[in-house]
Amino acid sequence: MAETMSPEEEFAQRWKKFAHVSPYNRELGLLPHSVRPDWCVLKVDYKDSLVGDPNTRVLHGGVITALLDAAFGFAIFVKIPQIRPMATLDLRIDYLKPATPDKAVLGGAVCYKLTPDLAFVRGCAYHESPDDPIATAVGIYMFTTGSPVIRNEEIPQ
């Protein structure tokens, strides 16, 4: 018997088809993990190639930055009717502790305010719970000119 997916799982599964669009995100292995309008999560699995310090085996801080930046974009895309070109205008990350070696890191985000030109997002990187974050972050993204990349309803089922 086939297992039925929740609407959130189905939406995340549909978005996985577009995770390869960014070569950088593809190289890091960032993939949608779960999605709700109030909390979108991307995941990066632990890989030796992403380690910043071979002595501690801790993931490089740039991986956490890229994860959060991508999760913030994902949270914005969920809130708008069509994917619009945008640029990271401001991204502040507070690193609170190193990621644990050999564990996947999740990046969760919510877009809490949209204007015609800007999107405001907050979130964190964590292992098991956002209540015990590796890093917290806030960001502002600016929509740029250009035609929509794809409409949400055009994402393949």
N, C-alpha and C. Protein backbone atom coordinates (compact mmCIF):
# COMPACT_ATOMS: atom_id res chain seq x y z
N MET A 1 0.84 -1.17 0.00
CA MET A 1 0.00 0.00 0.00
C MET A 1 0.89 1.24 0.00
N ALA A 2 0.56 2.18 -0.84
CA ALA A 2 1.36 3.41 -0.97
C ALA A 2 1.11 4.32 0.23
N GLU A 3 2.19 4.91 0.70
CA GLU A 3 2.10 5.83 1.83
C GLU A 3 1.69 7.20 1.31
N THR A 4 0.69 7.82 1.96
CA THR A 4 0.26 9.14 1.52
C THR A 4 1.09 10.20 2.23
N MET A 5 1.38 11.26 1.48
CA MET A 5 2.18 12.36 2.02
C MET A 5 1.26 13.48 2.48
N SER A 6 1.72 14.19 3.50
CA SER A 6 1.01 15.38 3.94
C SER A 6 1.19 16.45 2.87
N PRO A 7 0.34 17.49 2.87
CA PRO A 7 0.54 18.58 1.89
C PRO A 7 1.93 19.20 2.00
N GLU A 8 2.45 19.33 3.22
CA GLU A 8 3.78 19.90 3.42
C GLU A 8 4.86 19.01 2.80
N GLU A 9 4.75 17.70 3.02
CA GLU A 9 5.72 16.76 2.46
C GLU A 9 5.65 16.76 0.93
N GLU A 10 4.43 16.84 0.40
CA GLU A 10 4.26 16.86 -1.04
C GLU A 10 4.88 18.12 -1.65
N PHE A 11 4.66 19.27 -0.99
CA PHE A 11 5.23 20.52 -1.48
C PHE A 11 6.75 20.47 -1.45
N ALA A 12 7.31 19.97 -0.35
CA ALA A 12 8.77 19.85 -0.24
C ALA A 12 9.31 18.90 -1.31
N GLN A 13 8.59 17.81 -1.56
CA GLN A 13 9.01 16.85 -2.58
C GLN A 13 9.02 17.50 -3.96
N ARG A 14 8.02 18.34 -4.26
CA ARG A 14 7.96 19.04 -5.53
C ARG A 14 9.15 19.99 -5.66
N TRP A 15 9.51 20.66 -4.57
CA TRP A 15 10.61 21.63 -4.61
C TRP A 15 11.96 20.96 -4.79
N LYS A 16 12.08 19.69 -4.40
CA LYS A 16 13.36 18.98 -4.56
C LYS A 16 13.81 18.98 -6.02
N LYS A 17 12.83 19.02 -6.93
CA LYS A 17 13.16 19.01 -8.35
C LYS A 17 13.90 20.27 -8.77
N PHE A 18 13.80 21.34 -7.96
CA PHE A 18 14.43 22.60 -8.31
C PHE A 18 15.66 22.91 -7.46
N ALA A 19 16.00 22.00 -6.56
CA ALA A 19 17.17 22.22 -5.70
C ALA A 19 18.46 22.28 -6.51
N HIS A 20 18.49 21.63 -7.66
CA HIS A 20 19.70 21.58 -8.49
C HIS A 20 19.94 22.85 -9.27
N VAL A 21 18.99 23.79 -9.26
CA VAL A 21 19.12 25.01 -10.06
C VAL A 21 20.37 25.81 -9.69
N SER A 22 20.65 25.93 -8.41
CA SER A 22 21.84 26.64 -7.97
C SER A 22 23.02 25.67 -7.88
N PRO A 23 24.05 25.86 -8.69
CA PRO A 23 25.21 24.96 -8.62
C PRO A 23 25.83 24.92 -7.22
N TYR A 24 25.85 26.07 -6.55
CA TYR A 24 26.43 26.13 -5.21
C TYR A 24 25.62 25.28 -4.23
N ASN A 25 24.30 25.45 -4.25
CA ASN A 25 23.45 24.66 -3.37
C ASN A 25 23.53 23.18 -3.72
N ARG A 26 23.63 22.88 -5.00
CA ARG A 26 23.75 21.49 -5.45
C ARG A 26 25.05 20.87 -4.92
N GLU A 27 26.15 21.61 -5.01
CA GLU A 27 27.44 21.11 -4.53
C GLU A 27 27.40 20.85 -3.02
N LEU A 28 26.72 21.71 -2.29
CA LEU A 28 26.60 21.53 -0.84
C LEU A 28 25.63 20.41 -0.48
N GLY A 29 24.74 20.06 -1.41
CA GLY A 29 23.76 19.02 -1.14
C GLY A 29 22.54 19.52 -0.38
N LEU A 30 22.22 20.82 -0.52
CA LEU A 30 21.06 21.37 0.17
C LEU A 30 19.78 20.86 -0.47
N LEU A 31 18.88 20.35 0.36
CA LEU A 31 17.60 19.84 -0.13
C LEU A 31 16.47 20.26 0.80
N PRO A 32 15.27 20.46 0.24
CA PRO A 32 14.12 20.74 1.11
C PRO A 32 13.88 19.56 2.05
N HIS A 33 13.60 19.87 3.29
CA HIS A 33 13.34 18.85 4.31
C HIS A 33 11.87 18.84 4.70
N SER A 34 11.32 20.02 4.97
CA SER A 34 9.90 20.16 5.28
C SER A 34 9.47 21.58 4.98
N VAL A 35 8.19 21.74 4.78
CA VAL A 35 7.69 23.09 4.46
C VAL A 35 6.30 23.29 5.04
N ARG A 36 6.16 24.43 5.68
CA ARG A 36 4.87 24.95 6.13
C ARG A 36 4.94 26.45 5.87
N PRO A 37 3.82 27.12 5.76
CA PRO A 37 3.89 28.57 5.54
C PRO A 37 4.64 29.31 6.65
N ASP A 38 4.63 28.74 7.86
CA ASP A 38 5.28 29.42 8.98
C ASP A 38 6.65 28.84 9.34
N TRP A 39 7.16 27.85 8.61
CA TRP A 39 8.49 27.30 8.92
C TRP A 39 8.94 26.36 7.80
N CYS A 40 9.88 26.82 7.00
CA CYS A 40 10.45 26.02 5.91
C CYS A 40 11.83 25.55 6.32
N VAL A 41 12.14 24.31 6.02
CA VAL A 41 13.41 23.73 6.47
C VAL A 41 14.16 23.09 5.31
N LEU A 42 15.43 23.46 5.18
CA LEU A 42 16.35 22.80 4.27
C LEU A 42 17.33 21.99 5.12
N LYS A 43 17.96 21.01 4.48
CA LYS A 43 18.87 20.12 5.20
C LYS A 43 20.17 19.98 4.43
N VAL A 44 21.27 19.94 5.17
CA VAL A 44 22.56 19.60 4.59
C VAL A 44 23.13 18.44 5.41
N ASP A 45 23.43 17.35 4.74
CA ASP A 45 24.03 16.20 5.41
C ASP A 45 25.51 16.47 5.67
N TYR A 46 26.00 15.89 6.74
CA TYR A 46 27.42 16.01 7.07
C TYR A 46 28.24 15.28 6.00
N LYS A 47 29.25 15.96 5.46
CA LYS A 47 30.18 15.35 4.51
C LYS A 47 31.57 15.86 4.84
N ASP A 48 32.55 14.99 4.73
CA ASP A 48 33.93 15.39 5.00
C ASP A 48 34.37 16.56 4.13
N SER A 49 33.84 16.64 2.91
CA SER A 49 34.23 17.71 2.00
C SER A 49 33.73 19.09 2.46
N LEU A 50 32.82 19.13 3.42
CA LEU A 50 32.28 20.39 3.94
C LEU A 50 32.89 20.81 5.27
N VAL A 51 33.87 20.05 5.73
CA VAL A 51 34.51 20.34 7.03
C VAL A 51 35.43 21.54 6.89
N GLY A 52 35.37 22.43 7.88
CA GLY A 52 36.24 23.61 7.88
C GLY A 52 37.57 23.35 8.57
N ASP A 53 37.57 22.52 9.59
CA ASP A 53 38.79 22.23 10.35
C ASP A 53 38.90 20.71 10.51
N PRO A 54 39.86 20.09 9.83
CA PRO A 54 39.98 18.63 9.90
C PRO A 54 40.27 18.11 11.30
N ASN A 55 40.85 18.94 12.17
CA ASN A 55 41.14 18.49 13.53
C ASN A 55 39.88 18.33 14.37
N THR A 56 38.93 19.25 14.21
CA THR A 56 37.68 19.18 14.99
C THR A 56 36.56 18.50 14.21
N ARG A 57 36.69 18.43 12.88
CA ARG A 57 35.69 17.84 11.97
C ARG A 57 34.37 18.62 11.98
N VAL A 58 34.42 19.89 12.34
CA VAL A 58 33.24 20.75 12.37
C VAL A 58 33.00 21.30 10.97
N LEU A 59 31.72 21.37 10.58
CA LEU A 59 31.38 21.95 9.29
C LEU A 59 31.87 23.39 9.20
N HIS A 60 32.28 23.80 8.01
CA HIS A 60 32.72 25.16 7.77
C HIS A 60 31.56 26.13 8.00
N GLY A 61 31.85 27.29 8.57
CA GLY A 61 30.82 28.29 8.81
C GLY A 61 30.13 28.75 7.54
N GLY A 62 30.83 28.70 6.43
CA GLY A 62 30.23 29.07 5.15
C GLY A 62 29.10 28.15 4.74
N VAL A 63 29.17 26.89 5.17
CA VAL A 63 28.08 25.94 4.89
C VAL A 63 26.82 26.38 5.64
N ILE A 64 26.99 26.79 6.89
CA ILE A 64 25.85 27.26 7.68
C ILE A 64 25.27 28.53 7.06
N THR A 65 26.13 29.43 6.62
CA THR A 65 25.68 30.66 5.97
C THR A 65 24.88 30.34 4.70
N ALA A 66 25.42 29.47 3.85
CA ALA A 66 24.74 29.10 2.61
C ALA A 66 23.41 28.41 2.90
N LEU A 67 23.40 27.54 3.90
CA LEU A 67 22.17 26.85 4.29
C LEU A 67 21.09 27.85 4.70
N LEU A 68 21.45 28.80 5.55
CA LEU A 68 20.47 29.78 6.01
C LEU A 68 20.02 30.70 4.88
N ASP A 69 20.95 31.14 4.05
CA ASP A 69 20.60 32.01 2.93
C ASP A 69 19.60 31.29 2.00
N ALA A 70 19.86 30.03 1.70
CA ALA A 70 18.96 29.26 0.84
C ALA A 70 17.62 29.01 1.52
N ALA A 71 17.64 28.69 2.82
CA ALA A 71 16.39 28.47 3.56
C ALA A 71 15.55 29.74 3.58
N PHE A 72 16.21 30.89 3.71
CA PHE A 72 15.48 32.16 3.70
C PHE A 72 14.80 32.36 2.34
N GLY A 73 15.52 32.08 1.27
CA GLY A 73 14.91 32.20 -0.06
C GLY A 73 13.74 31.24 -0.22
N PHE A 74 13.90 30.02 0.27
CA PHE A 74 12.84 29.00 0.22
C PHE A 74 11.60 29.50 0.96
N ALA A 75 11.79 30.09 2.15
CA ALA A 75 10.67 30.60 2.94
C ALA A 75 9.95 31.74 2.21
N ILE A 76 10.70 32.55 1.48
CA ILE A 76 10.09 33.63 0.70
C ILE A 76 9.29 33.05 -0.46
N PHE A 77 9.86 32.08 -1.18
CA PHE A 77 9.18 31.49 -2.33
C PHE A 77 7.84 30.87 -1.94
N VAL A 78 7.77 30.31 -0.75
CA VAL A 78 6.53 29.70 -0.28
C VAL A 78 5.44 30.75 -0.08
N LYS A 79 5.82 31.98 0.23
CA LYS A 79 4.86 33.04 0.54
C LYS A 79 4.40 33.85 -0.67
N ILE A 80 5.10 33.76 -1.79
CA ILE A 80 4.74 34.59 -2.94
C ILE A 80 4.14 33.72 -4.05
N PRO A 81 3.24 34.29 -4.86
CA PRO A 81 2.56 33.49 -5.88
C PRO A 81 3.45 33.06 -7.04
N GLN A 82 4.53 33.79 -7.28
CA GLN A 82 5.46 33.39 -8.33
C GLN A 82 6.88 33.72 -7.88
N ILE A 83 7.79 32.87 -8.27
CA ILE A 83 9.18 33.08 -7.90
C ILE A 83 9.70 34.28 -8.66
N ARG A 84 10.18 35.26 -7.91
CA ARG A 84 10.72 36.48 -8.50
C ARG A 84 12.22 36.52 -8.26
N PRO A 85 12.95 37.11 -9.19
CA PRO A 85 14.38 37.28 -8.94
C PRO A 85 14.58 38.15 -7.71
N MET A 86 15.56 37.82 -6.89
CA MET A 86 15.83 38.62 -5.70
C MET A 86 17.30 38.52 -5.34
N ALA A 87 17.70 39.46 -4.50
CA ALA A 87 19.08 39.51 -4.03
C ALA A 87 19.07 39.62 -2.51
N THR A 88 20.08 39.03 -1.88
CA THR A 88 20.24 39.16 -0.44
C THR A 88 20.75 40.57 -0.17
N LEU A 89 19.92 41.37 0.48
CA LEU A 89 20.28 42.75 0.77
C LEU A 89 21.05 42.83 2.09
N ASP A 90 20.59 42.07 3.08
CA ASP A 90 21.23 42.08 4.40
C ASP A 90 21.02 40.71 5.03
N LEU A 91 22.08 40.15 5.58
CA LEU A 91 22.00 38.85 6.25
C LEU A 91 22.89 38.91 7.48
N ARG A 92 22.27 38.79 8.64
CA ARG A 92 23.03 38.79 9.89
C ARG A 92 22.89 37.41 10.51
N ILE A 93 24.03 36.81 10.83
CA ILE A 93 24.05 35.48 11.45
C ILE A 93 24.85 35.56 12.73
N ASP A 94 24.25 35.06 13.80
CA ASP A 94 24.94 34.94 15.08
C ASP A 94 25.25 33.46 15.30
N TYR A 95 26.55 33.13 15.24
CA TYR A 95 26.96 31.75 15.48
C TYR A 95 27.05 31.53 16.99
N LEU A 96 26.30 30.56 17.48
CA LEU A 96 26.22 30.31 18.91
C LEU A 96 27.07 29.13 19.37
N LYS A 97 27.28 28.18 18.48
CA LYS A 97 28.10 27.01 18.81
C LYS A 97 28.43 26.29 17.51
N PRO A 98 29.47 25.46 17.53
CA PRO A 98 29.79 24.71 16.31
C PRO A 98 28.78 23.58 16.08
N ALA A 99 28.61 23.24 14.82
CA ALA A 99 27.79 22.08 14.47
C ALA A 99 28.50 20.82 14.96
N THR A 100 27.74 19.83 15.34
CA THR A 100 28.30 18.57 15.82
C THR A 100 28.77 17.73 14.63
N PRO A 101 30.01 17.25 14.66
CA PRO A 101 30.50 16.40 13.57
C PRO A 101 29.60 15.18 13.37
N ASP A 102 29.48 14.75 12.11
CA ASP A 102 28.73 13.57 11.69
C ASP A 102 27.21 13.73 11.77
N LYS A 103 26.71 14.92 12.07
CA LYS A 103 25.27 15.13 12.14
C LYS A 103 24.82 16.10 11.06
N ALA A 104 23.66 15.81 10.47
CA ALA A 104 23.06 16.72 9.50
C ALA A 104 22.67 18.01 10.20
N VAL A 105 22.65 19.09 9.43
CA VAL A 105 22.23 20.39 9.96
C VAL A 105 20.98 20.83 9.20
N LEU A 106 20.01 21.30 9.94
CA LEU A 106 18.77 21.81 9.37
C LEU A 106 18.80 23.33 9.43
N GLY A 107 18.26 23.95 8.41
CA GLY A 107 18.13 25.41 8.39
C GLY A 107 16.66 25.75 8.24
N GLY A 108 16.08 26.32 9.29
CA GLY A 108 14.66 26.66 9.27
C GLY A 108 14.47 28.16 9.15
N ALA A 109 13.38 28.56 8.47
CA ALA A 109 13.14 29.98 8.25
C ALA A 109 11.66 30.27 8.08
N VAL A 110 11.32 31.51 8.38
CA VAL A 110 9.97 32.02 8.12
C VAL A 110 10.10 33.41 7.53
N CYS A 111 9.32 33.66 6.49
CA CYS A 111 9.21 35.00 5.93
C CYS A 111 8.05 35.65 6.66
N TYR A 112 8.36 36.64 7.50
CA TYR A 112 7.34 37.21 8.37
C TYR A 112 6.78 38.54 7.88
N LYS A 113 7.38 39.12 6.82
CA LYS A 113 6.88 40.38 6.29
C LYS A 113 7.28 40.51 4.82
N LEU A 114 6.29 40.84 3.99
CA LEU A 114 6.52 41.10 2.58
C LEU A 114 6.03 42.49 2.22
N THR A 115 6.82 43.21 1.44
CA THR A 115 6.39 44.46 0.84
C THR A 115 6.54 44.27 -0.67
N PRO A 116 6.12 45.21 -1.49
CA PRO A 116 6.30 45.02 -2.93
C PRO A 116 7.77 44.86 -3.35
N ASP A 117 8.68 45.40 -2.56
CA ASP A 117 10.10 45.35 -2.94
C ASP A 117 10.98 44.51 -2.04
N LEU A 118 10.53 44.21 -0.83
CA LEU A 118 11.38 43.56 0.16
C LEU A 118 10.69 42.37 0.84
N ALA A 119 11.51 41.44 1.30
CA ALA A 119 11.03 40.32 2.11
C ALA A 119 11.91 40.26 3.36
N PHE A 120 11.27 40.11 4.52
CA PHE A 120 11.96 40.05 5.80
C PHE A 120 11.83 38.63 6.35
N VAL A 121 12.97 38.05 6.73
CA VAL A 121 13.01 36.64 7.10
C VAL A 121 13.84 36.46 8.37
N ARG A 122 13.48 35.44 9.15
CA ARG A 122 14.29 35.06 10.31
C ARG A 122 14.30 33.54 10.42
N GLY A 123 15.33 33.03 11.08
CA GLY A 123 15.42 31.59 11.23
C GLY A 123 16.66 31.18 11.98
N CYS A 124 16.96 29.89 11.89
CA CYS A 124 18.13 29.36 12.59
C CYS A 124 18.60 28.06 11.97
N ALA A 125 19.84 27.71 12.28
CA ALA A 125 20.42 26.42 11.92
C ALA A 125 20.47 25.59 13.20
N TYR A 126 20.17 24.30 13.07
CA TYR A 126 20.09 23.45 14.26
C TYR A 126 20.22 21.98 13.85
N HIS A 127 20.34 21.12 14.87
CA HIS A 127 20.37 19.67 14.61
C HIS A 127 18.97 19.08 14.82
N GLU A 128 18.53 19.00 16.06
CA GLU A 128 17.24 18.39 16.36
C GLU A 128 16.11 19.39 16.56
N SER A 129 16.42 20.52 17.18
CA SER A 129 15.37 21.46 17.54
C SER A 129 15.83 22.91 17.35
N PRO A 130 14.96 23.75 16.80
CA PRO A 130 15.31 25.17 16.69
C PRO A 130 15.46 25.84 18.05
N ASP A 131 15.02 25.16 19.12
CA ASP A 131 15.20 25.69 20.47
C ASP A 131 16.64 25.54 20.97
N ASP A 132 17.46 24.79 20.24
CA ASP A 132 18.87 24.61 20.58
C ASP A 132 19.70 24.92 19.32
N PRO A 133 19.74 26.20 18.92
CA PRO A 133 20.34 26.55 17.62
C PRO A 133 21.87 26.54 17.60
N ILE A 134 22.39 26.23 16.43
CA ILE A 134 23.80 26.39 16.12
C ILE A 134 24.05 27.85 15.81
N ALA A 135 23.10 28.45 15.08
CA ALA A 135 23.18 29.86 14.70
C ALA A 135 21.76 30.40 14.52
N THR A 136 21.60 31.67 14.81
CA THR A 136 20.34 32.36 14.53
C THR A 136 20.62 33.42 13.47
N ALA A 137 19.57 33.81 12.74
CA ALA A 137 19.80 34.76 11.65
C ALA A 137 18.54 35.55 11.33
N VAL A 138 18.76 36.74 10.76
CA VAL A 138 17.70 37.56 10.19
C VAL A 138 18.21 38.07 8.85
N GLY A 139 17.28 38.29 7.93
CA GLY A 139 17.70 38.75 6.62
C GLY A 139 16.65 39.61 5.95
N ILE A 140 17.11 40.42 5.02
CA ILE A 140 16.24 41.23 4.17
C ILE A 140 16.64 40.92 2.73
N TYR A 141 15.65 40.63 1.92
CA TYR A 141 15.87 40.30 0.51
C TYR A 141 15.13 41.31 -0.34
N MET A 142 15.76 41.74 -1.43
CA MET A 142 15.19 42.74 -2.32
C MET A 142 14.80 42.06 -3.63
N PHE A 143 13.55 42.25 -4.02
CA PHE A 143 13.12 41.74 -5.31
C PHE A 143 13.73 42.62 -6.40
N THR A 144 14.21 41.98 -7.45
CA THR A 144 14.85 42.71 -8.53
C THR A 144 13.97 42.65 -9.77
N THR A 145 14.32 43.44 -10.76
CA THR A 145 13.53 43.44 -11.99
C THR A 145 13.80 42.18 -12.78
N GLY A 146 12.89 41.89 -13.63
CA GLY A 146 13.02 40.69 -14.44
C GLY A 146 11.72 39.91 -14.38
N SER A 147 11.57 38.99 -15.28
CA SER A 147 10.34 38.20 -15.32
C SER A 147 10.41 37.09 -14.29
N PRO A 148 9.25 36.61 -13.84
CA PRO A 148 9.24 35.50 -12.87
C PRO A 148 9.97 34.29 -13.43
N VAL A 149 10.67 33.61 -12.56
CA VAL A 149 11.38 32.40 -12.97
C VAL A 149 10.37 31.29 -13.21
N ILE A 150 9.45 31.12 -12.26
CA ILE A 150 8.41 30.09 -12.36
C ILE A 150 7.31 30.45 -11.37
N ARG A 151 6.09 30.11 -11.70
CA ARG A 151 4.97 30.34 -10.79
C ARG A 151 4.81 29.12 -9.91
N ASN A 152 4.38 29.33 -8.65
CA ASN A 152 4.22 28.21 -7.73
C ASN A 152 3.34 27.11 -8.31
N GLU A 153 2.28 27.50 -9.02
CA GLU A 153 1.38 26.48 -9.58
C GLU A 153 2.01 25.70 -10.74
N GLU A 154 3.14 26.20 -11.27
CA GLU A 154 3.82 25.53 -12.36
C GLU A 154 4.84 24.50 -11.89
N ILE A 155 5.05 24.42 -10.60
CA ILE A 155 6.00 23.45 -10.07
C ILE A 155 5.44 22.07 -10.32
N PRO A 156 6.18 21.19 -10.99
CA PRO A 156 5.66 19.86 -11.33
C PRO A 156 5.17 19.10 -10.11
N GLN A 157 4.10 18.38 -10.31
CA GLN A 157 3.52 17.55 -9.24
C GLN A 157 4.36 16.31 -9.01
